[in-house]
């Protein structure tokens, strides 16, 4: 039986000024890790005794130096890779403070929801990204 890894994934929404467009923060995995070079929603493994919300706050800060507030559960995705199965807990998170930096990722971008299709995301994120694009007015405006 494959190992199941529980992961928190943050869909980080930027604060917007009057008349500005919605943006979300994505990160590119380092080349020397599992699925290196792919884009993803920041986050990581949930540690024993840690809630998903605590994991998201910790992992996003460790990865990008940004403080977030997990606000709303979005969906749960399970994806089987040859090496392991990942169970991804996606939460909408509000950006609280900090300017992103590449602490534990190769790159990052603030993008509009419709730009999600322009990036090579990890396979486990594909269906969720399609839902975000279809429902962008509901989720981001």
C-alpha atoms as a PDB file:
ATOM      1  CA  UNK A   1       0.000   0.000   0.000  1.00  0.00           C
ATOM      2  CA  UNK A   2       1.309   3.445  -0.950  1.00  0.00           C
ATOM      3  CA  UNK A   3       2.006   6.024   1.671  1.00  0.00           C
ATOM      4  CA  UNK A   4      -0.635   8.794   1.888  1.00  0.00           C
ATOM      5  CA  UNK A   5       0.823  12.255   2.465  1.00  0.00           C
ATOM      6  CA  UNK A   6      -1.518  14.955   3.824  1.00  0.00           C
ATOM      7  CA  UNK A   7      -0.720  18.374   2.358  1.00  0.00           C
ATOM      8  CA  UNK A   8      -2.081  21.871   2.926  1.00  0.00           C
ATOM      9  CA  UNK A   9      -2.336  24.066  -0.198  1.00  0.00           C
ATOM     10  CA  UNK A  10      -2.907  27.822  -0.006  1.00  0.00           C
ATOM     11  CA  UNK A  11      -4.834  29.703  -2.683  1.00  0.00           C
ATOM     12  CA  UNK A  12      -3.550  33.120  -1.596  1.00  0.00           C
ATOM     13  CA  UNK A  13      -5.637  36.109  -2.598  1.00  0.00           C
ATOM     14  CA  UNK A  14      -3.940  39.487  -2.651  1.00  0.00           C
ATOM     15  CA  UNK A  15      -5.491  42.521  -1.053  1.00  0.00           C
ATOM     16  CA  UNK A  16      -6.863  44.733  -3.780  1.00  0.00           C
ATOM     17  CA  UNK A  17      -7.128  48.447  -4.071  1.00  0.00           C
ATOM     18  CA  UNK A  18     -10.052  50.251  -5.640  1.00  0.00           C
ATOM     19  CA  UNK A  19     -10.502  49.094  -9.223  1.00  0.00           C
ATOM     20  CA  UNK A  20      -7.593  46.631  -9.229  1.00  0.00           C
ATOM     21  CA  UNK A  21      -7.895  43.088 -10.521  1.00  0.00           C
ATOM     22  CA  UNK A  22      -7.811  39.971  -8.371  1.00  0.00           C
ATOM     23  CA  UNK A  23      -4.416  38.292  -8.031  1.00  0.00           C
ATOM     24  CA  UNK A  24      -3.227  35.078  -6.467  1.00  0.00           C
ATOM     25  CA  UNK A  25       0.219  33.887  -5.454  1.00  0.00           C
ATOM     26  CA  UNK A  26       1.788  30.775  -6.988  1.00  0.00           C
ATOM     27  CA  UNK A  27       5.230  29.237  -6.477  1.00  0.00           C
ATOM     28  CA  UNK A  28       7.587  27.163  -8.593  1.00  0.00           C
ATOM     29  CA  UNK A  29       9.118  24.070  -7.011  1.00  0.00           C
ATOM     30  CA  UNK A  30      12.901  23.852  -6.706  1.00  0.00           C
ATOM     31  CA  UNK A  31      14.508  21.656  -9.388  1.00  0.00           C
ATOM     32  CA  UNK A  32      15.986  19.153  -6.913  1.00  0.00           C
ATOM     33  CA  UNK A  33      12.688  18.094  -5.257  1.00  0.00           C
ATOM     34  CA  UNK A  34       9.813  15.789  -6.229  1.00  0.00           C
ATOM     35  CA  UNK A  35       8.123  17.361  -9.285  1.00  0.00           C
ATOM     36  CA  UNK A  36      10.835  20.014  -9.456  1.00  0.00           C
ATOM     37  CA  UNK A  37      10.174  22.926 -11.811  1.00  0.00           C
ATOM     38  CA  UNK A  38       6.386  22.584 -11.704  1.00  0.00           C
ATOM     39  CA  UNK A  39       4.214  25.403 -10.404  1.00  0.00           C
ATOM     40  CA  UNK A  40       1.956  24.907  -7.393  1.00  0.00           C
ATOM     41  CA  UNK A  41      -0.063  26.600  -4.717  1.00  0.00           C
ATOM     42  CA  UNK A  42       2.240  27.218  -1.740  1.00  0.00           C
ATOM     43  CA  UNK A  43       1.990  24.853   1.182  1.00  0.00           C
ATOM     44  CA  UNK A  44       3.378  21.565   2.356  1.00  0.00           C
ATOM     45  CA  UNK A  45       3.086  18.482   4.508  1.00  0.00           C
ATOM     46  CA  UNK A  46       0.851  18.649   7.547  1.00  0.00           C
ATOM     47  CA  UNK A  47       2.860  17.720  10.634  1.00  0.00           C
ATOM     48  CA  UNK A  48       1.494  15.417  13.326  1.00  0.00           C
ATOM     49  CA  UNK A  49      -0.801  17.302  15.696  1.00  0.00           C
ATOM     50  CA  UNK A  50      -1.026  20.294  13.343  1.00  0.00           C
ATOM     51  CA  UNK A  51      -4.268  21.565  11.806  1.00  0.00           C
ATOM     52  CA  UNK A  52      -4.445  22.335   8.094  1.00  0.00           C
ATOM     53  CA  UNK A  53      -4.734  26.034   8.928  1.00  0.00           C
ATOM     54  CA  UNK A  54      -1.628  25.933  11.147  1.00  0.00           C
ATOM     55  CA  UNK A  55       0.247  24.064   8.426  1.00  0.00           C
ATOM     56  CA  UNK A  56      -0.675  26.658   5.814  1.00  0.00           C
ATOM     57  CA  UNK A  57       0.431  29.595   7.953  1.00  0.00           C
ATOM     58  CA  UNK A  58       3.740  27.874   8.772  1.00  0.00           C
ATOM     59  CA  UNK A  59       4.534  26.485   5.314  1.00  0.00           C
ATOM     60  CA  UNK A  60       3.718  29.670   3.377  1.00  0.00           C
ATOM     61  CA  UNK A  61       5.917  31.695   5.706  1.00  0.00           C
ATOM     62  CA  UNK A  62       8.776  29.167   5.429  1.00  0.00           C
ATOM     63  CA  UNK A  63       8.462  28.960   1.636  1.00  0.00           C
ATOM     64  CA  UNK A  64       7.803  32.601   0.715  1.00  0.00           C
ATOM     65  CA  UNK A  65       8.175  34.800   3.810  1.00  0.00           C
ATOM     66  CA  UNK A  66       4.510  35.822   3.594  1.00  0.00           C
ATOM     67  CA  UNK A  67       1.942  35.790   6.406  1.00  0.00           C
ATOM     68  CA  UNK A  68      -1.468  34.440   5.416  1.00  0.00           C
ATOM     69  CA  UNK A  69      -4.798  33.882   7.122  1.00  0.00           C
ATOM     70  CA  UNK A  70      -6.571  30.659   6.055  1.00  0.00           C
ATOM     71  CA  UNK A  71     -10.127  31.816   5.421  1.00  0.00           C
ATOM     72  CA  UNK A  72     -12.221  29.152   3.698  1.00  0.00           C
ATOM     73  CA  UNK A  73     -11.927  25.483   2.765  1.00  0.00           C
ATOM     74  CA  UNK A  74     -12.158  25.034  -1.018  1.00  0.00           C
ATOM     75  CA  UNK A  75     -11.797  21.336  -1.789  1.00  0.00           C
ATOM     76  CA  UNK A  76      -9.983  18.090  -1.124  1.00  0.00           C
ATOM     77  CA  UNK A  77      -8.099  16.351  -3.949  1.00  0.00           C
ATOM     78  CA  UNK A  78      -6.407  12.983  -3.814  1.00  0.00           C
ATOM     79  CA  UNK A  79      -3.859  12.081  -6.455  1.00  0.00           C
ATOM     80  CA  UNK A  80      -1.845   8.875  -6.841  1.00  0.00           C
ATOM     81  CA  UNK A  81       1.705   9.210  -8.088  1.00  0.00           C
ATOM     82  CA  UNK A  82       3.844   6.106  -8.619  1.00  0.00           C
ATOM     83  CA  UNK A  83       5.821   6.926  -5.451  1.00  0.00           C
ATOM     84  CA  UNK A  84       3.000   8.003  -3.135  1.00  0.00           C
ATOM     85  CA  UNK A  85      -0.540   9.285  -2.872  1.00  0.00           C
ATOM     86  CA  UNK A  86      -1.096  12.889  -1.853  1.00  0.00           C
ATOM     87  CA  UNK A  87      -4.237  14.220  -0.236  1.00  0.00           C
ATOM     88  CA  UNK A  88      -4.372  17.961  -0.901  1.00  0.00           C
ATOM     89  CA  UNK A  89      -6.427  20.231   1.361  1.00  0.00           C
ATOM     90  CA  UNK A  90      -7.018  23.469  -0.581  1.00  0.00           C
ATOM     91  CA  UNK A  91      -7.928  26.603   1.373  1.00  0.00           C
ATOM     92  CA  UNK A  92      -8.490  30.147   0.238  1.00  0.00           C
ATOM     93  CA  UNK A  93      -6.101  32.270   2.263  1.00  0.00           C
ATOM     94  CA  UNK A  94      -5.938  36.016   2.613  1.00  0.00           C
ATOM     95  CA  UNK A  95      -2.581  37.726   2.290  1.00  0.00           C
ATOM     96  CA  UNK A  96      -1.834  39.473   5.595  1.00  0.00           C
ATOM     97  CA  UNK A  97       1.729  40.826   5.333  1.00  0.00           C
ATOM     98  CA  UNK A  98       5.162  40.400   3.837  1.00  0.00           C
ATOM     99  CA  UNK A  99       6.648  40.672   0.386  1.00  0.00           C
ATOM    100  CA  UNK A 100       7.190  37.257  -1.215  1.00  0.00           C
ATOM    101  CA  UNK A 101      10.736  36.023  -1.609  1.00  0.00           C
ATOM    102  CA  UNK A 102      12.239  32.753  -2.822  1.00  0.00           C
ATOM    103  CA  UNK A 103      13.046  31.194   0.552  1.00  0.00           C
ATOM    104  CA  UNK A 104      12.145  27.586  -0.308  1.00  0.00           C
ATOM    105  CA  UNK A 105      11.006  27.759  -3.913  1.00  0.00           C
ATOM    106  CA  UNK A 106      12.595  28.545  -7.266  1.00  0.00           C
ATOM    107  CA  UNK A 107      10.253  31.388  -8.255  1.00  0.00           C
ATOM    108  CA  UNK A 108       6.890  32.964  -7.446  1.00  0.00           C
ATOM    109  CA  UNK A 109       4.333  35.100  -9.251  1.00  0.00           C
ATOM    110  CA  UNK A 110       1.250  37.162  -8.486  1.00  0.00           C
ATOM    111  CA  UNK A 111      -1.119  36.264 -11.334  1.00  0.00           C
ATOM    112  CA  UNK A 112      -4.727  36.817 -12.380  1.00  0.00           C
ATOM    113  CA  UNK A 113      -6.966  33.714 -12.106  1.00  0.00           C
ATOM    114  CA  UNK A 114      -7.300  33.412 -15.887  1.00  0.00           C
ATOM    115  CA  UNK A 115      -3.490  33.143 -16.148  1.00  0.00           C
ATOM    116  CA  UNK A 116      -3.475  29.834 -14.253  1.00  0.00           C
ATOM    117  CA  UNK A 117      -3.708  27.970 -17.575  1.00  0.00           C
ATOM    118  CA  UNK A 118      -0.408  29.543 -18.704  1.00  0.00           C
ATOM    119  CA  UNK A 119       1.700  27.706 -16.080  1.00  0.00           C
ATOM    120  CA  UNK A 120       2.786  24.076 -15.876  1.00  0.00           C
ATOM    121  CA  UNK A 121       1.185  23.007 -12.569  1.00  0.00           C
ATOM    122  CA  UNK A 122       1.721  19.729 -10.766  1.00  0.00           C
ATOM    123  CA  UNK A 123      -0.662  17.025 -12.058  1.00  0.00           C
ATOM    124  CA  UNK A 124      -2.638  16.875  -8.796  1.00  0.00           C
ATOM    125  CA  UNK A 125      -3.714  20.531  -9.239  1.00  0.00           C
ATOM    126  CA  UNK A 126      -5.183  20.255 -12.767  1.00  0.00           C
ATOM    127  CA  UNK A 127      -8.889  19.680 -11.946  1.00  0.00           C
ATOM    128  CA  UNK A 128      -8.877  22.229  -9.156  1.00  0.00           C
ATOM    129  CA  UNK A 129      -7.344  24.850 -11.469  1.00  0.00           C
ATOM    130  CA  UNK A 130     -10.067  24.233 -14.061  1.00  0.00           C
ATOM    131  CA  UNK A 131     -12.669  24.841 -11.336  1.00  0.00           C
ATOM    132  CA  UNK A 132     -10.957  28.077 -10.238  1.00  0.00           C
ATOM    133  CA  UNK A 133     -10.916  29.367 -13.814  1.00  0.00           C
ATOM    134  CA  UNK A 134     -14.583  28.421 -14.396  1.00  0.00           C
ATOM    135  CA  UNK A 135     -15.656  30.062 -11.145  1.00  0.00           C
ATOM    136  CA  UNK A 136     -13.252  32.998 -11.062  1.00  0.00           C
ATOM    137  CA  UNK A 137     -16.012  35.605 -10.609  1.00  0.00           C
ATOM    138  CA  UNK A 138     -17.373  33.703  -7.610  1.00  0.00           C
ATOM    139  CA  UNK A 139     -14.000  33.029  -5.994  1.00  0.00           C
ATOM    140  CA  UNK A 140     -12.042  36.202  -6.681  1.00  0.00           C
ATOM    141  CA  UNK A 141     -14.410  39.124  -7.196  1.00  0.00           C
END
